[in-house]
C-alpha atoms as a PDB file:
ATOM      1  CA  UNK A   1     148.084 113.089  85.764  1.00  0.00           C
ATOM      2  CA  UNK A   2     150.768 111.752  83.686  1.00  0.00           C
ATOM      3  CA  UNK A   3     149.587 110.918  80.035  1.00  0.00           C
ATOM      4  CA  UNK A   4     149.127 107.186  79.535  1.00  0.00           C
ATOM      5  CA  UNK A   5     150.733 105.925  76.425  1.00  0.00           C
ATOM      6  CA  UNK A   6     148.852 103.586  74.197  1.00  0.00           C
ATOM      7  CA  UNK A   7     150.183 101.252  71.426  1.00  0.00           C
ATOM      8  CA  UNK A   8     147.140  99.701  69.738  1.00  0.00           C
ATOM      9  CA  UNK A   9     147.979  96.315  67.764  1.00  0.00           C
ATOM     10  CA  UNK A  10     145.543  94.414  65.497  1.00  0.00           C
ATOM     11  CA  UNK A  11     145.342  93.027  61.881  1.00  0.00           C
ATOM     12  CA  UNK A  12     141.985  94.962  60.813  1.00  0.00           C
ATOM     13  CA  UNK A  13     142.914  98.137  59.692  1.00  0.00           C
ATOM     14  CA  UNK A  14     139.403  99.156  60.984  1.00  0.00           C
ATOM     15  CA  UNK A  15     139.440  97.996  64.227  1.00  0.00           C
ATOM     16  CA  UNK A  16     142.827 100.355  64.867  1.00  0.00           C
ATOM     17  CA  UNK A  17     141.339 103.158  63.311  1.00  0.00           C
ATOM     18  CA  UNK A  18     137.905 102.515  65.645  1.00  0.00           C
ATOM     19  CA  UNK A  19     140.063 101.999  68.812  1.00  0.00           C
ATOM     20  CA  UNK A  20     142.844 104.916  67.803  1.00  0.00           C
ATOM     21  CA  UNK A  21     139.685 107.200  67.854  1.00  0.00           C
ATOM     22  CA  UNK A  22     138.191 105.734  70.989  1.00  0.00           C
ATOM     23  CA  UNK A  23     141.462 106.163  73.078  1.00  0.00           C
ATOM     24  CA  UNK A  24     142.237 109.615  71.628  1.00  0.00           C
ATOM     25  CA  UNK A  25     139.001 110.567  72.806  1.00  0.00           C
ATOM     26  CA  UNK A  26     140.160 109.484  76.547  1.00  0.00           C
ATOM     27  CA  UNK A  27     141.645 112.544  78.859  1.00  0.00           C
ATOM     28  CA  UNK A  28     145.475 111.672  79.671  1.00  0.00           C
ATOM     29  CA  UNK A  29     145.868 108.972  77.115  1.00  0.00           C
ATOM     30  CA  UNK A  30     147.635 109.001  73.486  1.00  0.00           C
ATOM     31  CA  UNK A  31     148.007 106.477  71.051  1.00  0.00           C
ATOM     32  CA  UNK A  32     151.305 106.331  70.272  1.00  0.00           C
ATOM     33  CA  UNK A  33     151.105 104.040  67.646  1.00  0.00           C
ATOM     34  CA  UNK A  34     149.697 101.161  65.928  1.00  0.00           C
ATOM     35  CA  UNK A  35     150.803  97.571  64.781  1.00  0.00           C
ATOM     36  CA  UNK A  36     149.226  94.921  62.484  1.00  0.00           C
ATOM     37  CA  UNK A  37     150.879  91.422  64.109  1.00  0.00           C
ATOM     38  CA  UNK A  38     152.778  90.488  66.908  1.00  0.00           C
ATOM     39  CA  UNK A  39     156.250  90.884  65.158  1.00  0.00           C
ATOM     40  CA  UNK A  40     155.464  95.110  64.864  1.00  0.00           C
ATOM     41  CA  UNK A  41     153.958  94.798  68.209  1.00  0.00           C
ATOM     42  CA  UNK A  42     157.394  93.828  69.806  1.00  0.00           C
ATOM     43  CA  UNK A  43     159.695  96.025  67.806  1.00  0.00           C
ATOM     44  CA  UNK A  44     157.179  98.986  68.443  1.00  0.00           C
ATOM     45  CA  UNK A  45     157.511  98.728  71.966  1.00  0.00           C
ATOM     46  CA  UNK A  46     160.696  99.164  71.765  1.00  0.00           C
ATOM     47  CA  UNK A  47     160.809 102.654  69.791  1.00  0.00           C
ATOM     48  CA  UNK A  48     157.746 104.228  71.061  1.00  0.00           C
ATOM     49  CA  UNK A  49     157.854 102.942  75.091  1.00  0.00           C
ATOM     50  CA  UNK A  50     154.524 102.686  75.624  1.00  0.00           C
ATOM     51  CA  UNK A  51     152.584 102.266  79.152  1.00  0.00           C
ATOM     52  CA  UNK A  52     150.165  99.597  77.395  1.00  0.00           C
ATOM     53  CA  UNK A  53     149.504  97.743  74.426  1.00  0.00           C
ATOM     54  CA  UNK A  54     146.333  96.685  73.446  1.00  0.00           C
ATOM     55  CA  UNK A  55     146.432  93.099  71.787  1.00  0.00           C
ATOM     56  CA  UNK A  56     144.823  91.032  69.413  1.00  0.00           C
ATOM     57  CA  UNK A  57     144.975  87.539  70.240  1.00  0.00           C
ATOM     58  CA  UNK A  58     144.167  85.942  66.533  1.00  0.00           C
ATOM     59  CA  UNK A  59     147.056  87.795  64.028  1.00  0.00           C
ATOM     60  CA  UNK A  60     149.296  86.637  61.052  1.00  0.00           C
ATOM     61  CA  UNK A  61     153.344  86.026  61.790  1.00  0.00           C
ATOM     62  CA  UNK A  62     153.256  86.277  65.516  1.00  0.00           C
ATOM     63  CA  UNK A  63     150.052  85.816  67.094  1.00  0.00           C
ATOM     64  CA  UNK A  64     148.814  87.987  70.670  1.00  0.00           C
ATOM     65  CA  UNK A  65     150.239  85.327  72.810  1.00  0.00           C
ATOM     66  CA  UNK A  66     152.940  85.041  71.525  1.00  0.00           C
ATOM     67  CA  UNK A  67     154.282  88.569  70.977  1.00  0.00           C
ATOM     68  CA  UNK A  68     152.623  89.098  74.627  1.00  0.00           C
ATOM     69  CA  UNK A  69     155.046  86.684  76.110  1.00  0.00           C
ATOM     70  CA  UNK A  70     158.110  88.527  74.566  1.00  0.00           C
ATOM     71  CA  UNK A  71     156.934  91.848  75.319  1.00  0.00           C
ATOM     72  CA  UNK A  72     156.415  90.837  78.964  1.00  0.00           C
ATOM     73  CA  UNK A  73     159.757  89.029  78.969  1.00  0.00           C
ATOM     74  CA  UNK A  74     161.762  92.181  77.427  1.00  0.00           C
ATOM     75  CA  UNK A  75     159.562  94.966  78.869  1.00  0.00           C
ATOM     76  CA  UNK A  76     157.785  93.530  82.188  1.00  0.00           C
ATOM     77  CA  UNK A  77     156.701  97.474  83.491  1.00  0.00           C
ATOM     78  CA  UNK A  78     154.355  97.502  79.606  1.00  0.00           C
ATOM     79  CA  UNK A  79     151.209  96.255  80.604  1.00  0.00           C
ATOM     80  CA  UNK A  80     149.026  94.271  77.750  1.00  0.00           C
ATOM     81  CA  UNK A  81     145.186  94.124  77.996  1.00  0.00           C
ATOM     82  CA  UNK A  82     144.227  91.231  75.494  1.00  0.00           C
ATOM     83  CA  UNK A  83     141.393  91.838  73.004  1.00  0.00           C
ATOM     84  CA  UNK A  84     139.519  89.187  71.055  1.00  0.00           C
ATOM     85  CA  UNK A  85     136.169  87.565  70.617  1.00  0.00           C
ATOM     86  CA  UNK A  86     137.754  84.625  71.817  1.00  0.00           C
ATOM     87  CA  UNK A  87     137.951  86.546  75.534  1.00  0.00           C
ATOM     88  CA  UNK A  88     137.080  83.661  77.531  1.00  0.00           C
ATOM     89  CA  UNK A  89     138.379  79.852  77.992  1.00  0.00           C
ATOM     90  CA  UNK A  90     141.522  78.989  76.071  1.00  0.00           C
ATOM     91  CA  UNK A  91     142.563  82.205  74.784  1.00  0.00           C
ATOM     92  CA  UNK A  92     142.035  84.334  77.754  1.00  0.00           C
ATOM     93  CA  UNK A  93     144.021  81.743  80.020  1.00  0.00           C
ATOM     94  CA  UNK A  94     146.908  81.809  77.086  1.00  0.00           C
ATOM     95  CA  UNK A  95     147.177  85.306  77.072  1.00  0.00           C
ATOM     96  CA  UNK A  96     147.028  85.998  80.837  1.00  0.00           C
ATOM     97  CA  UNK A  97     149.925  83.444  81.102  1.00  0.00           C
ATOM     98  CA  UNK A  98     151.722  85.052  78.515  1.00  0.00           C
ATOM     99  CA  UNK A  99     151.688  88.527  80.881  1.00  0.00           C
ATOM    100  CA  UNK A 100     148.462  90.064  79.944  1.00  0.00           C
ATOM    101  CA  UNK A 101     146.660  92.285  83.205  1.00  0.00           C
ATOM    102  CA  UNK A 102     143.215  90.975  81.451  1.00  0.00           C
ATOM    103  CA  UNK A 103     141.569  90.153  78.300  1.00  0.00           C
ATOM    104  CA  UNK A 104     138.489  91.689  76.906  1.00  0.00           C
ATOM    105  CA  UNK A 105     135.744  90.998  74.025  1.00  0.00           C
ATOM    106  CA  UNK A 106     135.930  92.957  71.029  1.00  0.00           C
ATOM    107  CA  UNK A 107     131.866  93.455  71.499  1.00  0.00           C
ATOM    108  CA  UNK A 108     132.175  95.255  74.480  1.00  0.00           C
ATOM    109  CA  UNK A 109     135.000  96.976  74.198  1.00  0.00           C
ATOM    110  CA  UNK A 110     133.180 100.535  74.069  1.00  0.00           C
ATOM    111  CA  UNK A 111     132.074  99.811  77.146  1.00  0.00           C
ATOM    112  CA  UNK A 112     135.006  98.506  79.186  1.00  0.00           C
ATOM    113  CA  UNK A 113     138.107  99.499  77.492  1.00  0.00           C
ATOM    114  CA  UNK A 114     138.415 102.868  79.356  1.00  0.00           C
ATOM    115  CA  UNK A 115     138.351 101.476  82.543  1.00  0.00           C
ATOM    116  CA  UNK A 116     140.585  98.461  81.545  1.00  0.00           C
ATOM    117  CA  UNK A 117     143.108 101.306  80.625  1.00  0.00           C
ATOM    118  CA  UNK A 118     143.027 102.865  83.859  1.00  0.00           C
ATOM    119  CA  UNK A 119     143.300  99.721  85.752  1.00  0.00           C
ATOM    120  CA  UNK A 120     146.015  98.126  83.762  1.00  0.00           C
ATOM    121  CA  UNK A 121     148.514 101.785  84.167  1.00  0.00           C
ATOM    122  CA  UNK A 122     147.528 102.237  88.251  1.00  0.00           C
ATOM    123  CA  UNK A 123     145.678 105.515  87.288  1.00  0.00           C
ATOM    124  CA  UNK A 124     142.364 104.076  89.071  1.00  0.00           C
ATOM    125  CA  UNK A 125     143.709 104.245  92.607  1.00  0.00           C
ATOM    126  CA  UNK A 126     143.090 107.076  94.906  1.00  0.00           C
ATOM    127  CA  UNK A 127     146.916 107.744  95.340  1.00  0.00           C
ATOM    128  CA  UNK A 128     146.763 108.188  91.463  1.00  0.00           C
ATOM    129  CA  UNK A 129     144.521 110.566  91.014  1.00  0.00           C
ATOM    130  CA  UNK A 130     145.774 112.745  93.770  1.00  0.00           C
END
């Protein structure tokens, strides 16, 4: 199975550190970079070519919705997973309309992130595991 390349985007350094440790511990996954806002996320996708972007919704300079919209437009093969404490209602709808394949609560990330990345990358299908 190919390594899944992951870009982490969150304006909080501590959150990025925790996510980096989590993803690095998963089999067949590699954190290829981090970004602190949406502007950095868009330029990082071009430079680092991740398969998956874990995107915080609320950030300064360019929020996760605008960044997701731009990444989806420029790089339709990149899958975006939204991450926020506001993972329902308006925020989830806006992220999904912007191209995110799912939106998860930060408070539940330890329980859901591995499966979310595998689903988003297509590595949870029987064909991918063969």
